[in-house]
PDB file of all heavy atoms in Angstrom:
ATOM      1  N   SER A   1       1.965  -0.328  -7.479  1.00  0.00           N
ATOM      2  CA  SER A   1       1.574  -1.677  -7.037  1.00  0.00           C
ATOM      3  C   SER A   1       2.011  -2.758  -8.019  1.00  0.00           C
ATOM      4  O   SER A   1       2.324  -3.873  -7.616  1.00  0.00           O
ATOM      5  CB  SER A   1       0.068  -1.741  -6.810  1.00  0.00           C
ATOM      6  OG  SER A   1      -0.620  -1.417  -7.989  1.00  0.00           O
ATOM      7  N   ASP A   2       2.075  -2.440  -9.304  1.00  0.00           N
ATOM      8  CA  ASP A   2       2.438  -3.454 -10.294  1.00  0.00           C
ATOM      9  C   ASP A   2       3.947  -3.727 -10.353  1.00  0.00           C
ATOM     10  O   ASP A   2       4.390  -4.647 -11.018  1.00  0.00           O
ATOM     11  CB  ASP A   2       1.911  -3.080 -11.671  1.00  0.00           C
ATOM     12  CG  ASP A   2       2.446  -1.750 -12.177  1.00  0.00           C
ATOM     13  OD1 ASP A   2       2.872  -0.923 -11.347  1.00  0.00           O
ATOM     14  OD2 ASP A   2       2.422  -1.532 -13.405  1.00  0.00           O
ATOM     15  N   MET A   3       4.761  -2.951  -9.621  1.00  0.00           N
ATOM     16  CA  MET A   3       6.209  -3.160  -9.619  1.00  0.00           C
ATOM     17  C   MET A   3       6.649  -4.234  -8.623  1.00  0.00           C
ATOM     18  O   MET A   3       7.765  -4.736  -8.705  1.00  0.00           O
ATOM     19  CB  MET A   3       6.932  -1.849  -9.284  1.00  0.00           C
ATOM     20  CG  MET A   3       6.795  -0.788 -10.353  1.00  0.00           C
ATOM     21  SD  MET A   3       7.423   0.810  -9.821  1.00  0.00           S
ATOM     22  CE  MET A   3       9.170   0.517  -9.830  1.00  0.00           C
ATOM     23  N   LEU A   4       5.786  -4.586  -7.681  1.00  0.00           N
ATOM     24  CA  LEU A   4       6.146  -5.549  -6.641  1.00  0.00           C
ATOM     25  C   LEU A   4       5.830  -6.971  -7.077  1.00  0.00           C
ATOM     26  O   LEU A   4       4.796  -7.221  -7.689  1.00  0.00           O
ATOM     27  CB  LEU A   4       5.379  -5.253  -5.349  1.00  0.00           C
ATOM     28  CG  LEU A   4       5.664  -3.928  -4.682  1.00  0.00           C
ATOM     29  CD1 LEU A   4       4.780  -3.758  -3.460  1.00  0.00           C
ATOM     30  CD2 LEU A   4       7.120  -3.823  -4.300  1.00  0.00           C
ATOM     31  N   PRO A   5       6.698  -7.918  -6.719  1.00  0.00           N
ATOM     32  CA  PRO A   5       6.373  -9.322  -7.001  1.00  0.00           C
ATOM     33  C   PRO A   5       5.151  -9.746  -6.191  1.00  0.00           C
ATOM     34  O   PRO A   5       4.944  -9.279  -5.074  1.00  0.00           O
ATOM     35  CB  PRO A   5       7.614 -10.085  -6.530  1.00  0.00           C
ATOM     36  CG  PRO A   5       8.617  -9.086  -6.114  1.00  0.00           C
ATOM     37  CD  PRO A   5       7.980  -7.748  -6.073  1.00  0.00           C
ATOM     38  N   ARG A   6       4.348 -10.612  -6.736  1.00  0.00           N
ATOM     39  CA  ARG A   6       3.126 -11.068  -6.054  1.00  0.00           C
ATOM     40  C   ARG A   6       3.419 -11.719  -4.707  1.00  0.00           C
ATOM     41  O   ARG A   6       2.619 -11.660  -3.802  1.00  0.00           O
ATOM     42  CB  ARG A   6       2.357 -12.044  -6.932  1.00  0.00           C
ATOM     43  CG  ARG A   6       1.710 -11.375  -8.119  1.00  0.00           C
ATOM     44  CD  ARG A   6       0.403 -12.083  -8.441  1.00  0.00           C
ATOM     45  NE  ARG A   6      -0.217 -11.515  -9.609  1.00  0.00           N
ATOM     46  CZ  ARG A   6      -1.056 -10.503  -9.566  1.00  0.00           C
ATOM     47  NH1 ARG A   6      -1.348  -9.940  -8.425  1.00  0.00           N
ATOM     48  NH2 ARG A   6      -1.596 -10.034 -10.667  1.00  0.00           N
ATOM     49  N   ARG A   7       4.585 -12.348  -4.581  1.00  0.00           N
ATOM     50  CA  ARG A   7       4.909 -13.047  -3.334  1.00  0.00           C
ATOM     51  C   ARG A   7       5.464 -12.103  -2.269  1.00  0.00           C
ATOM     52  O   ARG A   7       5.694 -12.515  -1.144  1.00  0.00           O
ATOM     53  CB  ARG A   7       5.890 -14.175  -3.606  1.00  0.00           C
ATOM     54  CG  ARG A   7       7.198 -13.717  -4.164  1.00  0.00           C
ATOM     55  CD  ARG A   7       8.078 -14.898  -4.567  1.00  0.00           C
ATOM     56  NE  ARG A   7       9.152 -14.432  -5.414  1.00  0.00           N
ATOM     57  CZ  ARG A   7      10.356 -14.119  -4.984  1.00  0.00           C
ATOM     58  NH1 ARG A   7      10.657 -14.251  -3.722  1.00  0.00           N
ATOM     59  NH2 ARG A   7      11.273 -13.688  -5.814  1.00  0.00           N
ATOM     60  N   PHE A   8       5.673 -10.839  -2.605  1.00  0.00           N
ATOM     61  CA  PHE A   8       6.190  -9.905  -1.613  1.00  0.00           C
ATOM     62  C   PHE A   8       5.158  -9.730  -0.503  1.00  0.00           C
ATOM     63  O   PHE A   8       3.972  -9.583  -0.769  1.00  0.00           O
ATOM     64  CB  PHE A   8       6.518  -8.551  -2.274  1.00  0.00           C
ATOM     65  CG  PHE A   8       7.355  -7.681  -1.409  1.00  0.00           C
ATOM     66  CD1 PHE A   8       8.703  -7.928  -1.270  1.00  0.00           C
ATOM     67  CD2 PHE A   8       6.791  -6.629  -0.702  1.00  0.00           C
ATOM     68  CE1 PHE A   8       9.482  -7.137  -0.442  1.00  0.00           C
ATOM     69  CE2 PHE A   8       7.568  -5.839   0.123  1.00  0.00           C
ATOM     70  CZ  PHE A   8       8.921  -6.091   0.250  1.00  0.00           C
ATOM     71  N   PRO A   9       5.590  -9.768   0.775  1.00  0.00           N
ATOM     72  CA  PRO A   9       4.629  -9.814   1.890  1.00  0.00           C
ATOM     73  C   PRO A   9       3.786  -8.557   2.092  1.00  0.00           C
ATOM     74  O   PRO A   9       2.743  -8.616   2.720  1.00  0.00           O
ATOM     75  CB  PRO A   9       5.508 -10.063   3.115  1.00  0.00           C
ATOM     76  CG  PRO A   9       6.875  -9.695   2.707  1.00  0.00           C
ATOM     77  CD  PRO A   9       6.963  -9.855   1.231  1.00  0.00           C
ATOM     78  N   LEU A  10       4.191  -7.427   1.556  1.00  0.00           N
ATOM     79  CA  LEU A  10       3.430  -6.197   1.733  1.00  0.00           C
ATOM     80  C   LEU A  10       3.085  -5.640   0.356  1.00  0.00           C
ATOM     81  O   LEU A  10       3.948  -5.123  -0.339  1.00  0.00           O
ATOM     82  CB  LEU A  10       4.259  -5.186   2.530  1.00  0.00           C
ATOM     83  CG  LEU A  10       3.560  -3.923   2.977  1.00  0.00           C
ATOM     84  CD1 LEU A  10       2.431  -4.254   3.943  1.00  0.00           C
ATOM     85  CD2 LEU A  10       4.551  -2.996   3.647  1.00  0.00           C
ATOM     86  N   GLN A  11       1.829  -5.790  -0.058  1.00  0.00           N
ATOM     87  CA  GLN A  11       1.398  -5.330  -1.368  1.00  0.00           C
ATOM     88  C   GLN A  11       0.918  -3.876  -1.290  1.00  0.00           C
ATOM     89  O   GLN A  11       0.434  -3.433  -0.258  1.00  0.00           O
ATOM     90  CB  GLN A  11       0.284  -6.225  -1.911  1.00  0.00           C
ATOM     91  CG  GLN A  11       0.760  -7.616  -2.268  1.00  0.00           C
ATOM     92  CD  GLN A  11       1.786  -7.613  -3.390  1.00  0.00           C
ATOM     93  OE1 GLN A  11       1.596  -6.983  -4.421  1.00  0.00           O
ATOM     94  NE2 GLN A  11       2.886  -8.311  -3.179  1.00  0.00           N
ATOM     95  N   LEU A  12       1.059  -3.153  -2.379  1.00  0.00           N
ATOM     96  CA  LEU A  12       0.621  -1.754  -2.429  1.00  0.00           C
ATOM     97  C   LEU A  12      -0.837  -1.675  -2.877  1.00  0.00           C
ATOM     98  O   LEU A  12      -1.158  -1.246  -3.977  1.00  0.00           O
ATOM     99  CB  LEU A  12       1.519  -0.943  -3.372  1.00  0.00           C
ATOM    100  CG  LEU A  12       2.889  -0.614  -2.828  1.00  0.00           C
ATOM    101  CD1 LEU A  12       3.717   0.133  -3.858  1.00  0.00           C
ATOM    102  CD2 LEU A  12       2.788   0.194  -1.555  1.00  0.00           C
ATOM    103  N   ARG A  13      -1.700  -2.089  -1.976  1.00  0.00           N
ATOM    104  CA  ARG A  13      -3.137  -1.994  -2.176  1.00  0.00           C
ATOM    105  C   ARG A  13      -3.720  -1.538  -0.847  1.00  0.00           C
ATOM    106  O   ARG A  13      -3.160  -1.798   0.218  1.00  0.00           O
ATOM    107  CB  ARG A  13      -3.735  -3.333  -2.605  1.00  0.00           C
ATOM    108  CG  ARG A  13      -3.174  -3.806  -3.956  1.00  0.00           C
ATOM    109  CD  ARG A  13      -4.027  -4.847  -4.610  1.00  0.00           C
ATOM    110  NE  ARG A  13      -5.319  -4.409  -5.060  1.00  0.00           N
ATOM    111  CZ  ARG A  13      -5.568  -3.743  -6.194  1.00  0.00           C
ATOM    112  NH1 ARG A  13      -4.583  -3.396  -6.972  1.00  0.00           N
ATOM    113  NH2 ARG A  13      -6.792  -3.432  -6.535  1.00  0.00           N
ATOM    114  N   THR A  14      -4.859  -0.881  -0.902  1.00  0.00           N
ATOM    115  CA  THR A  14      -5.439  -0.322   0.318  1.00  0.00           C
ATOM    116  C   THR A  14      -5.761  -1.389   1.358  1.00  0.00           C
ATOM    117  O   THR A  14      -5.634  -1.135   2.551  1.00  0.00           O
ATOM    118  CB  THR A  14      -6.707   0.484  -0.001  1.00  0.00           C
ATOM    119  OG1 THR A  14      -7.605  -0.333  -0.756  1.00  0.00           O
ATOM    120  CG2 THR A  14      -6.374   1.748  -0.761  1.00  0.00           C
ATOM    121  N   ASN A  15      -6.125  -2.592   0.930  1.00  0.00           N
ATOM    122  CA  ASN A  15      -6.472  -3.621   1.914  1.00  0.00           C
ATOM    123  C   ASN A  15      -5.256  -4.142   2.685  1.00  0.00           C
ATOM    124  O   ASN A  15      -5.404  -4.654   3.779  1.00  0.00           O
ATOM    125  CB  ASN A  15      -7.262  -4.771   1.287  1.00  0.00           C
ATOM    126  CG  ASN A  15      -6.534  -5.412   0.132  1.00  0.00           C
ATOM    127  OD1 ASN A  15      -5.576  -4.873  -0.392  1.00  0.00           O
ATOM    128  ND2 ASN A  15      -7.005  -6.566  -0.279  1.00  0.00           N
ATOM    129  N   SER A  16      -4.046  -4.016   2.156  1.00  0.00           N
ATOM    130  CA  SER A  16      -2.875  -4.459   2.913  1.00  0.00           C
ATOM    131  C   SER A  16      -2.179  -3.302   3.636  1.00  0.00           C
ATOM    132  O   SER A  16      -1.298  -3.533   4.454  1.00  0.00           O
ATOM    133  CB  SER A  16      -1.885  -5.192   2.015  1.00  0.00           C
ATOM    134  OG  SER A  16      -1.438  -4.360   0.985  1.00  0.00           O
ATOM    135  N   MET A  17      -2.566  -2.075   3.366  1.00  0.00           N
ATOM    136  CA  MET A  17      -1.957  -0.913   4.020  1.00  0.00           C
ATOM    137  C   MET A  17      -2.764  -0.420   5.213  1.00  0.00           C
ATOM    138  O   MET A  17      -2.427   0.581   5.826  1.00  0.00           O
ATOM    139  CB  MET A  17      -1.778   0.236   3.023  1.00  0.00           C
ATOM    140  CG  MET A  17      -0.715  -0.022   2.017  1.00  0.00           C
ATOM    141  SD  MET A  17       0.894   0.007   2.815  1.00  0.00           S
ATOM    142  CE  MET A  17       1.936  -0.277   1.435  1.00  0.00           C
ATOM    143  N   GLY A  18      -3.817  -1.121   5.574  1.00  0.00           N
ATOM    144  CA  GLY A  18      -4.638  -0.741   6.714  1.00  0.00           C
ATOM    145  C   GLY A  18      -3.872  -0.717   8.020  1.00  0.00           C
ATOM    146  O   GLY A  18      -4.275  -0.061   8.973  1.00  0.00           O
ATOM    147  N   VAL A  19      -2.741  -1.398   8.076  1.00  0.00           N
ATOM    148  CA  VAL A  19      -1.897  -1.394   9.258  1.00  0.00           C
ATOM    149  C   VAL A  19      -1.431   0.035   9.578  1.00  0.00           C
ATOM    150  O   VAL A  19      -1.325   0.418  10.723  1.00  0.00           O
ATOM    151  CB  VAL A  19      -0.679  -2.319   9.009  1.00  0.00           C
ATOM    152  CG1 VAL A  19       0.534  -1.901   9.760  1.00  0.00           C
ATOM    153  CG2 VAL A  19      -1.032  -3.736   9.340  1.00  0.00           C
ATOM    154  N   PHE A  20      -1.151   0.819   8.544  1.00  0.00           N
ATOM    155  CA  PHE A  20      -0.652   2.176   8.732  1.00  0.00           C
ATOM    156  C   PHE A  20      -1.777   3.193   8.852  1.00  0.00           C
ATOM    157  O   PHE A  20      -1.616   4.223   9.472  1.00  0.00           O
ATOM    158  CB  PHE A  20       0.277   2.567   7.580  1.00  0.00           C
ATOM    159  CG  PHE A  20       1.433   1.628   7.423  1.00  0.00           C
ATOM    160  CD1 PHE A  20       1.524   0.795   6.327  1.00  0.00           C
ATOM    161  CD2 PHE A  20       2.418   1.566   8.385  1.00  0.00           C
ATOM    162  CE1 PHE A  20       2.585  -0.073   6.192  1.00  0.00           C
ATOM    163  CE2 PHE A  20       3.484   0.694   8.260  1.00  0.00           C
ATOM    164  CZ  PHE A  20       3.569  -0.129   7.155  1.00  0.00           C
ATOM    165  N   SER A  21      -2.904   2.925   8.209  1.00  0.00           N
ATOM    166  CA  SER A  21      -4.032   3.839   8.223  1.00  0.00           C
ATOM    167  C   SER A  21      -5.318   3.018   8.150  1.00  0.00           C
ATOM    168  O   SER A  21      -5.777   2.652   7.075  1.00  0.00           O
ATOM    169  CB  SER A  21      -3.936   4.791   7.026  1.00  0.00           C
ATOM    170  OG  SER A  21      -5.024   5.667   7.001  1.00  0.00           O
ATOM    171  N   PRO A  22      -5.936   2.721   9.314  1.00  0.00           N
ATOM    172  CA  PRO A  22      -7.092   1.823   9.353  1.00  0.00           C
ATOM    173  C   PRO A  22      -8.284   2.283   8.502  1.00  0.00           C
ATOM    174  O   PRO A  22      -9.012   1.453   7.970  1.00  0.00           O
ATOM    175  CB  PRO A  22      -7.474   1.791  10.832  1.00  0.00           C
ATOM    176  CG  PRO A  22      -6.229   2.173  11.550  1.00  0.00           C
ATOM    177  CD  PRO A  22      -5.490   3.105  10.640  1.00  0.00           C
ATOM    178  N   GLN A  23      -8.488   3.579   8.321  1.00  0.00           N
ATOM    179  CA  GLN A  23      -9.624   4.061   7.548  1.00  0.00           C
ATOM    180  C   GLN A  23      -9.395   3.939   6.035  1.00  0.00           C
ATOM    181  O   GLN A  23     -10.317   4.093   5.243  1.00  0.00           O
ATOM    182  CB  GLN A  23      -9.933   5.542   7.855  1.00  0.00           C
ATOM    183  CG  GLN A  23     -10.350   5.788   9.275  1.00  0.00           C
ATOM    184  CD  GLN A  23      -9.145   6.019  10.188  1.00  0.00           C
ATOM    185  OE1 GLN A  23      -8.020   6.128   9.731  1.00  0.00           O
ATOM    186  NE2 GLN A  23      -9.392   6.066  11.492  1.00  0.00           N
ATOM    187  N   LEU A  24      -8.177   3.656   5.650  1.00  0.00           N
ATOM    188  CA  LEU A  24      -7.831   3.612   4.230  1.00  0.00           C
ATOM    189  C   LEU A  24      -8.645   2.579   3.452  1.00  0.00           C
ATOM    190  O   LEU A  24      -9.235   2.897   2.421  1.00  0.00           O
ATOM    191  CB  LEU A  24      -6.341   3.308   4.103  1.00  0.00           C
ATOM    192  CG  LEU A  24      -5.690   3.562   2.770  1.00  0.00           C
ATOM    193  CD1 LEU A  24      -5.857   5.011   2.353  1.00  0.00           C
ATOM    194  CD2 LEU A  24      -4.220   3.225   2.861  1.00  0.00           C
ATOM    195  N   GLU A  25      -8.696   1.357   3.949  1.00  0.00           N
ATOM    196  CA  GLU A  25      -9.437   0.296   3.257  1.00  0.00           C
ATOM    197  C   GLU A  25     -10.937   0.608   3.251  1.00  0.00           C
ATOM    198  O   GLU A  25     -11.637   0.304   2.301  1.00  0.00           O
ATOM    199  CB  GLU A  25      -9.175  -1.056   3.909  1.00  0.00           C
ATOM    200  CG  GLU A  25      -9.818  -2.193   3.138  1.00  0.00           C
ATOM    201  CD  GLU A  25      -9.564  -3.543   3.770  1.00  0.00           C
ATOM    202  OE1 GLU A  25      -9.006  -3.609   4.875  1.00  0.00           O
ATOM    203  OE2 GLU A  25      -9.944  -4.532   3.134  1.00  0.00           O
ATOM    204  N   GLU A  26     -11.401   1.211   4.320  1.00  0.00           N
ATOM    205  CA  GLU A  26     -12.814   1.552   4.430  1.00  0.00           C
ATOM    206  C   GLU A  26     -13.214   2.611   3.388  1.00  0.00           C
ATOM    207  O   GLU A  26     -14.239   2.489   2.724  1.00  0.00           O
ATOM    208  CB  GLU A  26     -13.057   2.091   5.844  1.00  0.00           C
ATOM    209  CG  GLU A  26     -14.501   2.238   6.228  1.00  0.00           C
ATOM    210  CD  GLU A  26     -14.587   2.682   7.682  1.00  0.00           C
ATOM    211  OE1 GLU A  26     -14.151   1.912   8.558  1.00  0.00           O
ATOM    212  OE2 GLU A  26     -15.085   3.799   7.911  1.00  0.00           O
ATOM    213  N   ARG A  27     -12.376   3.627   3.218  1.00  0.00           N
ATOM    214  CA  ARG A  27     -12.670   4.710   2.257  1.00  0.00           C
ATOM    215  C   ARG A  27     -12.443   4.309   0.804  1.00  0.00           C
ATOM    216  O   ARG A  27     -13.157   4.744  -0.086  1.00  0.00           O
ATOM    217  CB  ARG A  27     -11.792   5.911   2.551  1.00  0.00           C
ATOM    218  CG  ARG A  27     -12.289   6.782   3.610  1.00  0.00           C
ATOM    219  CD  ARG A  27     -11.455   8.030   3.605  1.00  0.00           C
ATOM    220  NE  ARG A  27     -12.181   9.093   4.247  1.00  0.00           N
ATOM    221  CZ  ARG A  27     -11.652  10.199   4.646  1.00  0.00           C
ATOM    222  NH1 ARG A  27     -10.370  10.412   4.442  1.00  0.00           N
ATOM    223  NH2 ARG A  27     -12.373  11.114   5.215  1.00  0.00           N
ATOM    224  N   TYR A  28     -11.381   3.539   0.566  1.00  0.00           N
ATOM    225  CA  TYR A  28     -10.994   3.162  -0.794  1.00  0.00           C
ATOM    226  C   TYR A  28     -10.782   1.650  -0.843  1.00  0.00           C
ATOM    227  O   TYR A  28      -9.645   1.175  -0.843  1.00  0.00           O
ATOM    228  CB  TYR A  28      -9.708   3.884  -1.207  1.00  0.00           C
ATOM    229  CG  TYR A  28      -9.762   5.374  -1.069  1.00  0.00           C
ATOM    230  CD1 TYR A  28      -9.174   6.010   0.022  1.00  0.00           C
ATOM    231  CD2 TYR A  28     -10.408   6.152  -2.020  1.00  0.00           C
ATOM    232  CE1 TYR A  28      -9.213   7.388   0.154  1.00  0.00           C
ATOM    233  CE2 TYR A  28     -10.461   7.526  -1.893  1.00  0.00           C
ATOM    234  CZ  TYR A  28      -9.861   8.140  -0.807  1.00  0.00           C
ATOM    235  OH  TYR A  28      -9.907   9.508  -0.677  1.00  0.00           O
ATOM    236  N   PRO A  29     -11.851   0.856  -0.893  1.00  0.00           N
ATOM    237  CA  PRO A  29     -11.704  -0.607  -0.829  1.00  0.00           C
ATOM    238  C   PRO A  29     -10.897  -1.173  -2.006  1.00  0.00           C
ATOM    239  O   PRO A  29     -11.190  -0.897  -3.158  1.00  0.00           O
ATOM    240  CB  PRO A  29     -13.132  -1.135  -0.833  1.00  0.00           C
ATOM    241  CG  PRO A  29     -14.030   0.032  -0.966  1.00  0.00           C
ATOM    242  CD  PRO A  29     -13.221   1.286  -1.006  1.00  0.00           C
ATOM    243  N   ASP A  30      -9.878  -1.928  -1.667  1.00  0.00           N
ATOM    244  CA  ASP A  30      -9.033  -2.672  -2.609  1.00  0.00           C
ATOM    245  C   ASP A  30      -8.599  -1.854  -3.832  1.00  0.00           C
ATOM    246  O   ASP A  30      -8.708  -2.311  -4.967  1.00  0.00           O
ATOM    247  CB  ASP A  30      -9.735  -3.963  -3.040  1.00  0.00           C
ATOM    248  CG  ASP A  30      -8.735  -4.957  -3.624  1.00  0.00           C
ATOM    249  OD1 ASP A  30      -7.577  -4.965  -3.179  1.00  0.00           O
ATOM    250  OD2 ASP A  30      -9.112  -5.709  -4.542  1.00  0.00           O
ATOM    251  N   GLN A  31      -8.064  -0.673  -3.585  1.00  0.00           N
ATOM    252  CA  GLN A  31      -7.542   0.173  -4.659  1.00  0.00           C
ATOM    253  C   GLN A  31      -6.017   0.062  -4.705  1.00  0.00           C
ATOM    254  O   GLN A  31      -5.364  -0.133  -3.682  1.00  0.00           O
ATOM    255  CB  GLN A  31      -7.927   1.642  -4.415  1.00  0.00           C
ATOM    256  CG  GLN A  31      -9.399   1.930  -4.531  1.00  0.00           C
ATOM    257  CD  GLN A  31      -9.888   1.721  -5.951  1.00  0.00           C
ATOM    258  OE1 GLN A  31      -9.332   2.239  -6.907  1.00  0.00           O
ATOM    259  NE2 GLN A  31     -10.938   0.928  -6.088  1.00  0.00           N
ATOM    260  N   PRO A  32      -5.423   0.221  -5.893  1.00  0.00           N
ATOM    261  CA  PRO A  32      -3.963   0.213  -5.976  1.00  0.00           C
ATOM    262  C   PRO A  32      -3.396   1.479  -5.331  1.00  0.00           C
ATOM    263  O   PRO A  32      -4.088   2.491  -5.210  1.00  0.00           O
ATOM    264  CB  PRO A  32      -3.690   0.189  -7.481  1.00  0.00           C
ATOM    265  CG  PRO A  32      -4.923   0.691  -8.116  1.00  0.00           C
ATOM    266  CD  PRO A  32      -6.061   0.390  -7.195  1.00  0.00           C
ATOM    267  N   MET A  33      -2.143   1.386  -4.938  1.00  0.00           N
ATOM    268  CA  MET A  33      -1.479   2.514  -4.294  1.00  0.00           C
ATOM    269  C   MET A  33      -0.122   2.757  -4.932  1.00  0.00           C
ATOM    270  O   MET A  33       0.401   1.912  -5.657  1.00  0.00           O
ATOM    271  CB  MET A  33      -1.312   2.249  -2.794  1.00  0.00           C
ATOM    272  CG  MET A  33      -2.627   2.114  -2.069  1.00  0.00           C
ATOM    273  SD  MET A  33      -2.406   1.953  -0.301  1.00  0.00           S
ATOM    274  CE  MET A  33      -1.879   3.614   0.119  1.00  0.00           C
ATOM    275  N   GLU A  34       0.422   3.910  -4.634  1.00  0.00           N
ATOM    276  CA  GLU A  34       1.760   4.284  -5.067  1.00  0.00           C
ATOM    277  C   GLU A  34       2.516   4.751  -3.837  1.00  0.00           C
ATOM    278  O   GLU A  34       1.930   5.364  -2.943  1.00  0.00           O
ATOM    279  CB  GLU A  34       1.660   5.423  -6.073  1.00  0.00           C
ATOM    280  CG  GLU A  34       2.585   5.311  -7.234  1.00  0.00           C
ATOM    281  CD  GLU A  34       2.329   6.405  -8.244  1.00  0.00           C
ATOM    282  OE1 GLU A  34       2.599   7.575  -7.937  1.00  0.00           O
ATOM    283  OE2 GLU A  34       1.834   6.060  -9.331  1.00  0.00           O
ATOM    284  N   LEU A  35       3.796   4.467  -3.795  1.00  0.00           N
ATOM    285  CA  LEU A  35       4.623   4.850  -2.665  1.00  0.00           C
ATOM    286  C   LEU A  35       5.786   5.683  -3.184  1.00  0.00           C
ATOM    287  O   LEU A  35       6.474   5.280  -4.119  1.00  0.00           O
ATOM    288  CB  LEU A  35       5.140   3.582  -1.980  1.00  0.00           C
ATOM    289  CG  LEU A  35       5.675   3.663  -0.591  1.00  0.00           C
ATOM    290  CD1 LEU A  35       4.639   4.212   0.382  1.00  0.00           C
ATOM    291  CD2 LEU A  35       6.131   2.284  -0.125  1.00  0.00           C
ATOM    292  N   HIS A  36       5.987   6.852  -2.589  1.00  0.00           N
ATOM    293  CA  HIS A  36       7.116   7.708  -2.931  1.00  0.00           C
ATOM    294  C   HIS A  36       8.076   7.669  -1.750  1.00  0.00           C
ATOM    295  O   HIS A  36       7.712   8.049  -0.633  1.00  0.00           O
ATOM    296  CB  HIS A  36       6.656   9.137  -3.197  1.00  0.00           C
ATOM    297  CG  HIS A  36       5.746   9.250  -4.378  1.00  0.00           C
ATOM    298  ND1 HIS A  36       5.417  10.445  -4.957  1.00  0.00           N
ATOM    299  CD2 HIS A  36       5.083   8.311  -5.107  1.00  0.00           C
ATOM    300  CE1 HIS A  36       4.605  10.254  -5.971  1.00  0.00           C
ATOM    301  NE2 HIS A  36       4.382   8.955  -6.082  1.00  0.00           N
ATOM    302  N   LEU A  37       9.294   7.195  -1.997  1.00  0.00           N
ATOM    303  CA  LEU A  37      10.306   7.035  -0.953  1.00  0.00           C
ATOM    304  C   LEU A  37      11.460   7.987  -1.199  1.00  0.00           C
ATOM    305  O   LEU A  37      11.849   8.204  -2.342  1.00  0.00           O
ATOM    306  CB  LEU A  37      10.855   5.602  -0.960  1.00  0.00           C
ATOM    307  CG  LEU A  37       9.854   4.470  -0.815  1.00  0.00           C
ATOM    308  CD1 LEU A  37      10.515   3.146  -1.141  1.00  0.00           C
ATOM    309  CD2 LEU A  37       9.303   4.450   0.586  1.00  0.00           C
ATOM    310  N   TRP A  38      12.036   8.531  -0.119  1.00  0.00           N
ATOM    311  CA  TRP A  38      13.216   9.364  -0.252  1.00  0.00           C
ATOM    312  C   TRP A  38      13.979   9.411   1.070  1.00  0.00           C
ATOM    313  O   TRP A  38      13.407   9.228   2.135  1.00  0.00           O
ATOM    314  CB  TRP A  38      12.860  10.774  -0.726  1.00  0.00           C
ATOM    315  CG  TRP A  38      12.073  11.593   0.261  1.00  0.00           C
ATOM    316  CD1 TRP A  38      12.566  12.471   1.187  1.00  0.00           C
ATOM    317  CD2 TRP A  38      10.659  11.624   0.421  1.00  0.00           C
ATOM    318  NE1 TRP A  38      11.544  13.031   1.907  1.00  0.00           N
ATOM    319  CE2 TRP A  38      10.354  12.531   1.448  1.00  0.00           C
ATOM    320  CE3 TRP A  38       9.601  10.957  -0.211  1.00  0.00           C
ATOM    321  CZ2 TRP A  38       9.056  12.793   1.871  1.00  0.00           C
ATOM    322  CZ3 TRP A  38       8.308  11.227   0.215  1.00  0.00           C
ATOM    323  CH2 TRP A  38       8.045  12.137   1.234  1.00  0.00           C
ATOM    324  N   ALA A  39      15.274   9.653   0.954  1.00  0.00           N
ATOM    325  CA  ALA A  39      16.119   9.825   2.139  1.00  0.00           C
ATOM    326  C   ALA A  39      16.028  11.287   2.567  1.00  0.00           C
ATOM    327  O   ALA A  39      16.176  12.183   1.744  1.00  0.00           O
ATOM    328  CB  ALA A  39      17.563   9.453   1.821  1.00  0.00           C
ATOM    329  N   ARG A  40      15.768  11.514   3.867  1.00  0.00           N
ATOM    330  CA  ARG A  40      15.701  12.887   4.392  1.00  0.00           C
ATOM    331  C   ARG A  40      17.084  13.438   4.705  1.00  0.00           C
ATOM    332  O   ARG A  40      17.290  14.640   4.719  1.00  0.00           O
ATOM    333  CB  ARG A  40      14.845  12.943   5.659  1.00  0.00           C
ATOM    334  CG  ARG A  40      13.395  12.604   5.428  1.00  0.00           C
ATOM    335  CD  ARG A  40      12.523  12.890   6.651  1.00  0.00           C
ATOM    336  NE  ARG A  40      13.123  12.700   7.935  1.00  0.00           N
ATOM    337  CZ  ARG A  40      13.134  11.566   8.636  1.00  0.00           C
ATOM    338  NH1 ARG A  40      12.576  10.472   8.126  1.00  0.00           N
ATOM    339  NH2 ARG A  40      13.682  11.495   9.817  1.00  0.00           N
ATOM    340  N   GLN A  41      18.011  12.545   5.007  1.00  0.00           N
ATOM    341  CA  GLN A  41      19.399  12.913   5.273  1.00  0.00           C
ATOM    342  C   GLN A  41      20.303  11.874   4.640  1.00  0.00           C
ATOM    343  O   GLN A  41      19.858  10.790   4.277  1.00  0.00           O
ATOM    344  CB  GLN A  41      19.677  12.971   6.778  1.00  0.00           C
ATOM    345  CG  GLN A  41      18.963  14.083   7.504  1.00  0.00           C
ATOM    346  CD  GLN A  41      19.314  14.097   8.980  1.00  0.00           C
ATOM    347  OE1 GLN A  41      20.272  13.487   9.424  1.00  0.00           O
ATOM    348  NE2 GLN A  41      18.517  14.815   9.762  1.00  0.00           N
TER     349      GLN A  41
END
């Protein structure tokens, strides 16, 4: 979460990731997140 600029529209925190998993913010309110990205092909 600390690698993204503050003005970036999608922050890596549970309250902004609720779009992908609605229960996330409810279970872990306003917690930082980490994203692991990779190409499958």
